[in-house]
Amino acid sequence: MEYTSGAASWQKAMRRAAAVFLPRRPRQRRPGWSIGVPLIAAAAGLLFTTSATTADGTTLREDRRPQLTQLIEDRRERVDSSELRAARLRAEVEEQTAALGDTDGPISAERARARASEQAAGFTALTGPGVTVELNDAPGRPDGSLPKGATNDDLVVHQGDVQAVVNALWAGGAEAMSIMNVRVLSTSAVRCVGNTLLLHGRVYSPPFKIVAIGDPAALQRALADSQGVQVFKQEADHWQLGYTEKVSTVTVPAFEDSTALRSATVPR
C-alpha cells in the first residue's frame, strides 16, 4: 500500500469534488450514424407496408401454378362452348341454304361447286395409307432429379420439333394431316406453351400424335431427310425422349375450325 502526505490527499479530494460541479465537455457525436438509423428504419417500414399491401392477406411465395391451371381449364371450357355454338349456327346456315337451293338455280349451282372442292379444302374426312409419328417427353425419375448434364429443356418436346415433323410430312407429299386427331391445313399454326401444344385455340399435352395420309415410302424418306427430325432423333437417343414412326392405314378427320382469312396476298 502506498502512503501519501495529508496535503496531497486533500488536493486530490478537492479536484474530484470540483469535477462533479463543473460542466463536462460534450463528446464528439457521429452525425452520419444518427441520421442513418432513422432512414433505415423508415425504409424497412415502407418495405413491410408494401409487402403487406401486395400480399393482401395471401402468401407472396405461394405457388401460382394451380391458379394458372384453373385459368387454362376455364378458357378451354369457354372454347368448347363457343365451338358448340358455332357448330349449331353452321348447321342452321347449311339447312337454310339447302332449302333455298331447292328453288334457286344459282344457289344450287354454287353449292354443287363448293361440294366438289370440299375434299381438296380439307372439309371431308379421309382414310388411306399413311404414317403416324408420335413425339413424347422423356420419362421423369422417381426422385424428380435430372440426368447428369441435362436441363428441363432437354427433356421435353419443343415447338420446333413438332414443326419439323409437320413440315417434313408436307414436303413428302402428304394429302391430309391431323395433329392430336385435329385436322390441320397448310395454314394451321403450331405453337407450344411450355411443354403443351396450342392448336386452334386448344391446349394438348404430350405425347403429340401426328398422322399424315400419303405414299408411306415418300413420307418416311422426307422424315429421314429432315435436319430437324434428325436432330430430335439424336436428342431422343441421348435423353430418352419418345419418337415412334409407324406405317398403317389411317383416318384423318374433317377440318372443323374457322376458314376466315385475316390477310392474304396474290401470288406473282
C-alpha atoms as a PDB file:
ATOM      1  CA  MET A   1       0.000   0.000   0.000  1.00  0.00           C
ATOM      2  CA  GLU A   2       1.253   3.456  -0.897  1.00  0.00           C
ATOM      3  CA  TYR A   3       1.073   6.198   1.712  1.00  0.00           C
ATOM      4  CA  THR A   4       0.800   9.849   0.755  1.00  0.00           C
ATOM      5  CA  SER A   5       1.024  13.010   2.732  1.00  0.00           C
ATOM      6  CA  GLY A   6      -2.129  14.671   4.076  1.00  0.00           C
ATOM      7  CA  ALA A   7      -1.744  17.728   1.785  1.00  0.00           C
ATOM      8  CA  ALA A   8      -1.627  15.612  -1.350  1.00  0.00           C
ATOM      9  CA  SER A   9      -4.753  13.659  -0.319  1.00  0.00           C
ATOM     10  CA  TRP A  10      -6.707  16.883   0.297  1.00  0.00           C
ATOM     11  CA  GLN A  11      -5.699  18.204  -3.122  1.00  0.00           C
ATOM     12  CA  LYS A  12      -6.977  15.087  -4.840  1.00  0.00           C
ATOM     13  CA  ALA A  13     -10.242  15.243  -2.898  1.00  0.00           C
ATOM     14  CA  MET A  14     -10.797  18.904  -3.895  1.00  0.00           C
ATOM     15  CA  ARG A  15     -10.148  18.175  -7.582  1.00  0.00           C
ATOM     16  CA  ARG A  16     -12.703  15.330  -7.577  1.00  0.00           C
ATOM     17  CA  ALA A  17     -15.306  17.493  -5.855  1.00  0.00           C
ATOM     18  CA  ALA A  18     -14.755  20.309  -8.363  1.00  0.00           C
ATOM     19  CA  ALA A  19     -15.115  17.872 -11.232  1.00  0.00           C
ATOM     20  CA  VAL A  20     -18.634  16.987 -10.042  1.00  0.00           C
ATOM     21  CA  PHE A  21     -19.890  20.587 -10.244  1.00  0.00           C
ATOM     22  CA  LEU A  22     -18.005  21.684 -13.353  1.00  0.00           C
ATOM     23  CA  PRO A  23     -19.806  21.145 -16.737  1.00  0.00           C
ATOM     24  CA  ARG A  24     -18.484  18.204 -18.730  1.00  0.00           C
ATOM     25  CA  ARG A  25     -17.199  18.709 -22.229  1.00  0.00           C
ATOM     26  CA  PRO A  26     -19.604  17.003 -24.625  1.00  0.00           C
ATOM     27  CA  ARG A  27     -18.294  14.042 -26.516  1.00  0.00           C
ATOM     28  CA  GLN A  28     -17.973  14.311 -30.265  1.00  0.00           C
ATOM     29  CA  ARG A  29     -21.065  12.728 -31.896  1.00  0.00           C
ATOM     30  CA  ARG A  30     -21.311  10.997 -35.214  1.00  0.00           C
ATOM     31  CA  PRO A  31     -23.975  12.836 -37.177  1.00  0.00           C
ATOM     32  CA  GLY A  32     -23.930  10.333 -40.096  1.00  0.00           C
ATOM     33  CA  TRP A  33     -24.865   7.333 -37.970  1.00  0.00           C
ATOM     34  CA  SER A  34     -27.536   9.208 -36.033  1.00  0.00           C
ATOM     35  CA  ILE A  35     -29.194  10.232 -39.310  1.00  0.00           C
ATOM     36  CA  GLY A  36     -28.776   6.820 -40.961  1.00  0.00           C
ATOM     37  CA  VAL A  37     -30.594   4.832 -38.290  1.00  0.00           C
ATOM     38  CA  PRO A  38     -33.966   6.628 -38.741  1.00  0.00           C
ATOM     39  CA  LEU A  39     -33.647   6.419 -42.528  1.00  0.00           C
ATOM     40  CA  ILE A  40     -33.029   2.671 -42.402  1.00  0.00           C
ATOM     41  CA  ALA A  41     -35.952   2.216 -40.025  1.00  0.00           C
ATOM     42  CA  ALA A  42     -38.219   4.248 -42.318  1.00  0.00           C
ATOM     43  CA  ALA A  43     -37.166   2.225 -45.389  1.00  0.00           C
ATOM     44  CA  ALA A  44     -37.794  -1.034 -43.555  1.00  0.00           C
ATOM     45  CA  GLY A  45     -41.239   0.153 -42.511  1.00  0.00           C
ATOM     46  CA  LEU A  46     -42.056   1.161 -46.089  1.00  0.00           C
ATOM     47  CA  LEU A  47     -40.917  -2.268 -47.332  1.00  0.00           C
ATOM     48  CA  PHE A  48     -43.063  -4.096 -44.782  1.00  0.00           C
ATOM     49  CA  THR A  49     -46.086  -1.940 -45.659  1.00  0.00           C
ATOM     50  CA  THR A  50     -45.654  -2.522 -49.396  1.00  0.00           C
ATOM     51  CA  SER A  51     -45.321  -6.284 -48.895  1.00  0.00           C
ATOM     52  CA  ALA A  52     -48.443  -6.403 -46.756  1.00  0.00           C
ATOM     53  CA  THR A  53     -50.432  -4.393 -49.310  1.00  0.00           C
ATOM     54  CA  THR A  54     -49.252  -6.543 -52.208  1.00  0.00           C
ATOM     55  CA  ALA A  55     -49.943  -9.806 -50.400  1.00  0.00           C
ATOM     56  CA  ASP A  56     -53.459  -8.703 -49.396  1.00  0.00           C
ATOM     57  CA  GLY A  57     -53.727 -11.485 -46.863  1.00  0.00           C
ATOM     58  CA  THR A  58     -52.004 -14.124 -49.017  1.00  0.00           C
ATOM     59  CA  THR A  59     -48.509 -15.572 -49.164  1.00  0.00           C
ATOM     60  CA  LEU A  60     -46.248 -13.827 -51.630  1.00  0.00           C
ATOM     61  CA  ARG A  61     -44.270 -17.004 -52.257  1.00  0.00           C
ATOM     62  CA  GLU A  62     -47.410 -19.040 -52.872  1.00  0.00           C
ATOM     63  CA  ASP A  63     -47.219 -21.371 -55.882  1.00  0.00           C
ATOM     64  CA  ARG A  64     -49.349 -19.858 -58.656  1.00  0.00           C
ATOM     65  CA  ARG A  65     -49.398 -22.964 -60.845  1.00  0.00           C
ATOM     66  CA  PRO A  66     -52.808 -24.153 -59.570  1.00  0.00           C
ATOM     67  CA  GLN A  67     -54.249 -20.738 -60.487  1.00  0.00           C
ATOM     68  CA  LEU A  68     -52.744 -20.951 -63.990  1.00  0.00           C
ATOM     69  CA  THR A  69     -54.100 -24.488 -64.394  1.00  0.00           C
ATOM     70  CA  GLN A  70     -57.568 -23.310 -63.414  1.00  0.00           C
ATOM     71  CA  LEU A  71     -57.312 -20.367 -65.805  1.00  0.00           C
ATOM     72  CA  ILE A  72     -56.379 -22.694 -68.675  1.00  0.00           C
ATOM     73  CA  GLU A  73     -59.261 -25.009 -67.792  1.00  0.00           C
ATOM     74  CA  ASP A  74     -61.723 -22.096 -67.719  1.00  0.00           C
ATOM     75  CA  ARG A  75     -60.544 -20.883 -71.108  1.00  0.00           C
ATOM     76  CA  ARG A  76     -60.792 -24.410 -72.500  1.00  0.00           C
ATOM     77  CA  GLU A  77     -64.402 -24.653 -71.358  1.00  0.00           C
ATOM     78  CA  ARG A  78     -65.157 -21.312 -72.994  1.00  0.00           C
ATOM     79  CA  VAL A  79     -63.602 -22.517 -76.252  1.00  0.00           C
ATOM     80  CA  ASP A  80     -65.660 -25.731 -76.128  1.00  0.00           C
ATOM     81  CA  SER A  81     -68.836 -23.754 -75.526  1.00  0.00           C
ATOM     82  CA  SER A  82     -68.057 -21.371 -78.388  1.00  0.00           C
ATOM     83  CA  GLU A  83     -67.323 -24.265 -80.732  1.00  0.00           C
ATOM     84  CA  LEU A  84     -70.656 -25.904 -79.927  1.00  0.00           C
ATOM     85  CA  ARG A  85     -72.488 -22.650 -80.590  1.00  0.00           C
ATOM     86  CA  ALA A  86     -70.570 -22.155 -83.856  1.00  0.00           C
ATOM     87  CA  ALA A  87     -71.451 -25.719 -84.932  1.00  0.00           C
ATOM     88  CA  ARG A  88     -75.141 -25.051 -84.301  1.00  0.00           C
ATOM     89  CA  LEU A  89     -75.016 -21.823 -86.279  1.00  0.00           C
ATOM     90  CA  ARG A  90     -73.225 -23.523 -89.178  1.00  0.00           C
ATOM     91  CA  ALA A  91     -75.881 -26.249 -89.199  1.00  0.00           C
ATOM     92  CA  GLU A  92     -78.631 -23.613 -89.311  1.00  0.00           C
ATOM     93  CA  VAL A  93     -76.926 -21.786 -92.187  1.00  0.00           C
ATOM     94  CA  GLU A  94     -76.472 -25.063 -94.073  1.00  0.00           C
ATOM     95  CA  GLU A  95     -80.102 -26.011 -93.546  1.00  0.00           C
ATOM     96  CA  GLN A  96     -81.424 -22.670 -94.771  1.00  0.00           C
ATOM     97  CA  THR A  97     -79.016 -22.645 -97.712  1.00  0.00           C
ATOM     98  CA  ALA A  98     -80.125 -26.139 -98.703  1.00  0.00           C
ATOM     99  CA  ALA A  99     -83.766 -25.050 -98.533  1.00  0.00           C
ATOM    100  CA  LEU A 100     -83.066 -22.104-100.841  1.00  0.00           C
ATOM    101  CA  GLY A 101     -81.020 -24.284-103.174  1.00  0.00           C
ATOM    102  CA  ASP A 102     -84.068 -26.408-103.948  1.00  0.00           C
ATOM    103  CA  THR A 103     -85.819 -23.420-105.508  1.00  0.00           C
ATOM    104  CA  ASP A 104     -82.952 -21.151-106.568  1.00  0.00           C
ATOM    105  CA  GLY A 105     -80.844 -22.264-109.530  1.00  0.00           C
ATOM    106  CA  PRO A 106     -77.726 -20.097-108.916  1.00  0.00           C
ATOM    107  CA  ILE A 107     -77.551 -21.104-105.244  1.00  0.00           C
ATOM    108  CA  SER A 108     -77.876 -24.769-106.195  1.00  0.00           C
ATOM    109  CA  ALA A 109     -75.033 -24.421-108.726  1.00  0.00           C
ATOM    110  CA  GLU A 110     -72.739 -22.741-106.165  1.00  0.00           C
ATOM    111  CA  ARG A 111     -73.469 -25.468-103.616  1.00  0.00           C
ATOM    112  CA  ALA A 112     -72.520 -28.120-106.136  1.00  0.00           C
ATOM    113  CA  ARG A 113     -69.283 -26.291-106.922  1.00  0.00           C
ATOM    114  CA  ALA A 114     -68.480 -25.977-103.212  1.00  0.00           C
ATOM    115  CA  ARG A 115     -69.118 -29.684-102.603  1.00  0.00           C
ATOM    116  CA  ALA A 116     -66.685 -30.543-105.396  1.00  0.00           C
ATOM    117  CA  SER A 117     -63.939 -28.599-103.585  1.00  0.00           C
ATOM    118  CA  GLU A 118     -64.624 -29.837-100.046  1.00  0.00           C
ATOM    119  CA  GLN A 119     -62.168 -32.734-100.163  1.00  0.00           C
ATOM    120  CA  ALA A 120     -59.319 -30.640-101.543  1.00  0.00           C
ATOM    121  CA  ALA A 121     -60.031 -27.942 -98.947  1.00  0.00           C
ATOM    122  CA  GLY A 122     -59.975 -30.447 -96.081  1.00  0.00           C
ATOM    123  CA  PHE A 123     -63.664 -30.386 -95.159  1.00  0.00           C
ATOM    124  CA  THR A 124     -64.175 -34.124 -95.519  1.00  0.00           C
ATOM    125  CA  ALA A 125     -62.656 -36.999 -93.548  1.00  0.00           C
ATOM    126  CA  LEU A 126     -60.179 -39.172 -95.424  1.00  0.00           C
ATOM    127  CA  THR A 127     -58.888 -42.730 -94.935  1.00  0.00           C
ATOM    128  CA  GLY A 128     -55.873 -44.244 -96.621  1.00  0.00           C
ATOM    129  CA  PRO A 129     -52.279 -45.426 -96.252  1.00  0.00           C
ATOM    130  CA  GLY A 130     -50.027 -43.132 -94.299  1.00  0.00           C
ATOM    131  CA  VAL A 131     -47.570 -42.583 -91.479  1.00  0.00           C
ATOM    132  CA  THR A 132     -48.119 -41.900 -87.780  1.00  0.00           C
ATOM    133  CA  VAL A 133     -45.385 -40.096 -85.837  1.00  0.00           C
ATOM    134  CA  GLU A 134     -45.504 -39.720 -82.068  1.00  0.00           C
ATOM    135  CA  LEU A 135     -43.283 -37.389 -80.031  1.00  0.00           C
ATOM    136  CA  ASN A 136     -43.078 -37.589 -76.252  1.00  0.00           C
ATOM    137  CA  ASP A 137     -41.184 -36.077 -73.334  1.00  0.00           C
ATOM    138  CA  ALA A 138     -38.517 -38.083 -71.532  1.00  0.00           C
ATOM    139  CA  PRO A 139     -39.839 -40.130 -68.584  1.00  0.00           C
ATOM    140  CA  GLY A 140     -39.363 -38.491 -65.213  1.00  0.00           C
ATOM    141  CA  ARG A 141     -37.285 -40.050 -62.467  1.00  0.00           C
ATOM    142  CA  PRO A 142     -38.999 -41.203 -59.241  1.00  0.00           C
ATOM    143  CA  ASP A 143     -36.939 -38.797 -57.128  1.00  0.00           C
ATOM    144  CA  GLY A 144     -37.546 -35.879 -59.520  1.00  0.00           C
ATOM    145  CA  SER A 145     -33.846 -35.443 -60.305  1.00  0.00           C
ATOM    146  CA  LEU A 146     -32.450 -34.717 -63.765  1.00  0.00           C
ATOM    147  CA  PRO A 147     -29.968 -36.859 -65.680  1.00  0.00           C
ATOM    148  CA  LYS A 148     -26.363 -35.711 -65.378  1.00  0.00           C
ATOM    149  CA  GLY A 149     -25.714 -32.717 -67.613  1.00  0.00           C
ATOM    150  CA  ALA A 150     -29.395 -32.281 -68.585  1.00  0.00           C
ATOM    151  CA  THR A 151     -31.728 -29.334 -68.136  1.00  0.00           C
ATOM    152  CA  ASN A 152     -35.519 -29.319 -68.162  1.00  0.00           C
ATOM    153  CA  ASP A 153     -35.483 -28.065 -71.763  1.00  0.00           C
ATOM    154  CA  ASP A 154     -33.502 -31.131 -72.856  1.00  0.00           C
ATOM    155  CA  LEU A 155     -36.222 -33.496 -71.671  1.00  0.00           C
ATOM    156  CA  VAL A 156     -39.341 -32.066 -73.355  1.00  0.00           C
ATOM    157  CA  VAL A 157     -40.698 -31.785 -76.899  1.00  0.00           C
ATOM    158  CA  HIS A 158     -40.457 -28.257 -78.276  1.00  0.00           C
ATOM    159  CA  GLN A 159     -42.429 -26.335 -80.869  1.00  0.00           C
ATOM    160  CA  GLY A 160     -39.610 -26.662 -83.376  1.00  0.00           C
ATOM    161  CA  ASP A 161     -39.658 -30.459 -83.035  1.00  0.00           C
ATOM    162  CA  VAL A 162     -43.362 -30.680 -83.915  1.00  0.00           C
ATOM    163  CA  GLN A 163     -42.935 -28.200 -86.747  1.00  0.00           C
ATOM    164  CA  ALA A 164     -40.019 -30.203 -88.158  1.00  0.00           C
ATOM    165  CA  VAL A 165     -42.166 -33.345 -88.405  1.00  0.00           C
ATOM    166  CA  VAL A 166     -45.154 -31.460 -89.868  1.00  0.00           C
ATOM    167  CA  ASN A 167     -43.039 -29.656 -92.472  1.00  0.00           C
ATOM    168  CA  ALA A 168     -41.284 -32.890 -93.453  1.00  0.00           C
ATOM    169  CA  LEU A 169     -44.606 -34.686 -93.978  1.00  0.00           C
ATOM    170  CA  TRP A 170     -45.958 -31.821 -96.111  1.00  0.00           C
ATOM    171  CA  ALA A 171     -42.728 -31.867 -98.113  1.00  0.00           C
ATOM    172  CA  GLY A 172     -43.118 -35.636 -98.540  1.00  0.00           C
ATOM    173  CA  GLY A 173     -46.432 -35.168-100.328  1.00  0.00           C
ATOM    174  CA  ALA A 174     -48.951 -35.592 -97.507  1.00  0.00           C
ATOM    175  CA  GLU A 175     -52.501 -35.352 -98.856  1.00  0.00           C
ATOM    176  CA  ALA A 176     -54.089 -34.781 -95.450  1.00  0.00           C
ATOM    177  CA  MET A 177     -52.787 -34.408 -91.914  1.00  0.00           C
ATOM    178  CA  SER A 178     -54.009 -34.294 -88.327  1.00  0.00           C
ATOM    179  CA  ILE A 179     -52.346 -33.433 -85.023  1.00  0.00           C
ATOM    180  CA  MET A 180     -53.899 -34.867 -81.874  1.00  0.00           C
ATOM    181  CA  ASN A 181     -56.823 -36.020 -84.087  1.00  0.00           C
ATOM    182  CA  VAL A 182     -57.455 -32.422 -85.208  1.00  0.00           C
ATOM    183  CA  ARG A 183     -57.352 -31.779 -88.954  1.00  0.00           C
ATOM    184  CA  VAL A 184     -54.714 -29.238 -89.903  1.00  0.00           C
ATOM    185  CA  LEU A 185     -54.163 -27.405 -93.150  1.00  0.00           C
ATOM    186  CA  SER A 186     -51.102 -25.793 -94.634  1.00  0.00           C
ATOM    187  CA  THR A 187     -52.193 -22.542 -92.945  1.00  0.00           C
ATOM    188  CA  SER A 188     -52.578 -24.082 -89.456  1.00  0.00           C
ATOM    189  CA  ALA A 189     -50.188 -22.684 -86.854  1.00  0.00           C
ATOM    190  CA  VAL A 190     -48.367 -24.971 -84.421  1.00  0.00           C
ATOM    191  CA  ARG A 191     -47.482 -23.263 -81.141  1.00  0.00           C
ATOM    192  CA  CYS A 192     -46.108 -24.619 -77.876  1.00  0.00           C
ATOM    193  CA  VAL A 193     -46.666 -23.128 -74.420  1.00  0.00           C
ATOM    194  CA  GLY A 194     -44.142 -24.756 -72.113  1.00  0.00           C
ATOM    195  CA  ASN A 195     -44.406 -28.467 -72.883  1.00  0.00           C
ATOM    196  CA  THR A 196     -48.022 -28.203 -74.107  1.00  0.00           C
ATOM    197  CA  LEU A 197     -49.259 -27.763 -77.668  1.00  0.00           C
ATOM    198  CA  LEU A 198     -51.592 -24.910 -78.620  1.00  0.00           C
ATOM    199  CA  LEU A 199     -53.596 -25.765 -81.726  1.00  0.00           C
ATOM    200  CA  HIS A 200     -56.701 -23.908 -82.964  1.00  0.00           C
ATOM    201  CA  GLY A 201     -57.340 -22.454 -79.516  1.00  0.00           C
ATOM    202  CA  ARG A 202     -56.987 -25.732 -77.625  1.00  0.00           C
ATOM    203  CA  VAL A 203     -54.166 -26.984 -75.404  1.00  0.00           C
ATOM    204  CA  TYR A 204     -52.809 -30.536 -75.688  1.00  0.00           C
ATOM    205  CA  SER A 205     -50.291 -32.394 -73.561  1.00  0.00           C
ATOM    206  CA  PRO A 206     -47.675 -34.873 -74.812  1.00  0.00           C
ATOM    207  CA  PRO A 207     -47.376 -37.375 -76.370  1.00  0.00           C
ATOM    208  CA  PHE A 208     -48.036 -35.479 -79.611  1.00  0.00           C
ATOM    209  CA  LYS A 209     -49.525 -37.678 -82.322  1.00  0.00           C
ATOM    210  CA  ILE A 210     -49.168 -36.580 -85.961  1.00  0.00           C
ATOM    211  CA  VAL A 211     -50.962 -38.538 -88.708  1.00  0.00           C
ATOM    212  CA  ALA A 212     -50.442 -37.999 -92.446  1.00  0.00           C
ATOM    213  CA  ILE A 213     -52.086 -39.695 -95.444  1.00  0.00           C
ATOM    214  CA  GLY A 214     -49.879 -40.246 -98.495  1.00  0.00           C
ATOM    215  CA  ASP A 215     -47.285 -42.522-100.003  1.00  0.00           C
ATOM    216  CA  PRO A 216     -45.680 -44.103 -96.903  1.00  0.00           C
ATOM    217  CA  ALA A 217     -42.288 -44.552 -98.580  1.00  0.00           C
ATOM    218  CA  ALA A 218     -42.152 -40.911 -99.690  1.00  0.00           C
ATOM    219  CA  LEU A 219     -43.279 -39.673 -96.267  1.00  0.00           C
ATOM    220  CA  GLN A 220     -40.633 -41.725 -94.477  1.00  0.00           C
ATOM    221  CA  ARG A 221     -37.921 -40.534 -96.861  1.00  0.00           C
ATOM    222  CA  ALA A 222     -38.916 -36.938 -96.150  1.00  0.00           C
ATOM    223  CA  LEU A 223     -38.718 -37.581 -92.405  1.00  0.00           C
ATOM    224  CA  ALA A 224     -35.289 -39.170 -92.770  1.00  0.00           C
ATOM    225  CA  ASP A 225     -34.013 -36.246 -94.865  1.00  0.00           C
ATOM    226  CA  SER A 226     -35.302 -33.559 -92.487  1.00  0.00           C
ATOM    227  CA  GLN A 227     -32.476 -31.997 -90.482  1.00  0.00           C
ATOM    228  CA  GLY A 228     -34.843 -31.005 -87.677  1.00  0.00           C
ATOM    229  CA  VAL A 229     -36.167 -34.545 -87.355  1.00  0.00           C
ATOM    230  CA  GLN A 230     -32.631 -35.929 -87.369  1.00  0.00           C
ATOM    231  CA  VAL A 231     -31.642 -33.613 -84.508  1.00  0.00           C
ATOM    232  CA  PHE A 232     -34.673 -34.673 -82.470  1.00  0.00           C
ATOM    233  CA  LYS A 233     -33.886 -38.360 -83.042  1.00  0.00           C
ATOM    234  CA  GLN A 234     -30.356 -37.789 -81.756  1.00  0.00           C
ATOM    235  CA  GLU A 235     -31.682 -35.987 -78.695  1.00  0.00           C
ATOM    236  CA  ALA A 236     -34.243 -38.765 -78.216  1.00  0.00           C
ATOM    237  CA  ASP A 237     -31.490 -41.398 -78.144  1.00  0.00           C
ATOM    238  CA  HIS A 238     -29.393 -39.360 -75.718  1.00  0.00           C
ATOM    239  CA  TRP A 239     -32.099 -38.154 -73.298  1.00  0.00           C
ATOM    240  CA  GLN A 240     -34.658 -40.963 -73.802  1.00  0.00           C
ATOM    241  CA  LEU A 241     -37.230 -38.747 -75.489  1.00  0.00           C
ATOM    242  CA  GLY A 242     -40.016 -40.572 -77.282  1.00  0.00           C
ATOM    243  CA  TYR A 243     -40.024 -40.938 -81.084  1.00  0.00           C
ATOM    244  CA  THR A 244     -42.047 -43.569 -82.933  1.00  0.00           C
ATOM    245  CA  GLU A 245     -42.823 -43.843 -86.637  1.00  0.00           C
ATOM    246  CA  LYS A 246     -45.434 -46.320 -87.905  1.00  0.00           C
ATOM    247  CA  VAL A 247     -46.900 -47.131 -91.341  1.00  0.00           C
ATOM    248  CA  SER A 248     -50.562 -48.195 -91.475  1.00  0.00           C
ATOM    249  CA  THR A 249     -53.996 -47.332 -92.821  1.00  0.00           C
ATOM    250  CA  VAL A 250     -55.031 -44.132 -91.045  1.00  0.00           C
ATOM    251  CA  THR A 251     -58.050 -41.837 -90.876  1.00  0.00           C
ATOM    252  CA  VAL A 252     -57.871 -38.046 -90.786  1.00  0.00           C
ATOM    253  CA  PRO A 253     -60.987 -36.139 -89.645  1.00  0.00           C
ATOM    254  CA  ALA A 254     -62.544 -33.209 -91.492  1.00  0.00           C
ATOM    255  CA  PHE A 255     -61.459 -29.647 -90.780  1.00  0.00           C
ATOM    256  CA  GLU A 256     -63.972 -28.044 -88.402  1.00  0.00           C
ATOM    257  CA  ASP A 257     -62.489 -24.692 -87.455  1.00  0.00           C
ATOM    258  CA  SER A 258     -62.934 -21.232 -88.901  1.00  0.00           C
ATOM    259  CA  THR A 259     -61.892 -20.696 -92.503  1.00  0.00           C
ATOM    260  CA  ALA A 260     -61.843 -16.903 -92.308  1.00  0.00           C
ATOM    261  CA  LEU A 261     -58.631 -15.340 -93.602  1.00  0.00           C
ATOM    262  CA  ARG A 262     -57.190 -12.335 -91.792  1.00  0.00           C
ATOM    263  CA  SER A 263     -54.735 -11.489 -94.535  1.00  0.00           C
ATOM    264  CA  ALA A 264     -53.862 -12.751 -97.993  1.00  0.00           C
ATOM    265  CA  THR A 265     -51.676 -11.800-100.930  1.00  0.00           C
ATOM    266  CA  VAL A 266     -51.997 -12.523-104.613  1.00  0.00           C
ATOM    267  CA  PRO A 267     -49.175 -14.787-105.872  1.00  0.00           C
ATOM    268  CA  ARG A 268     -46.996 -13.308-108.569  1.00  0.00           C
END
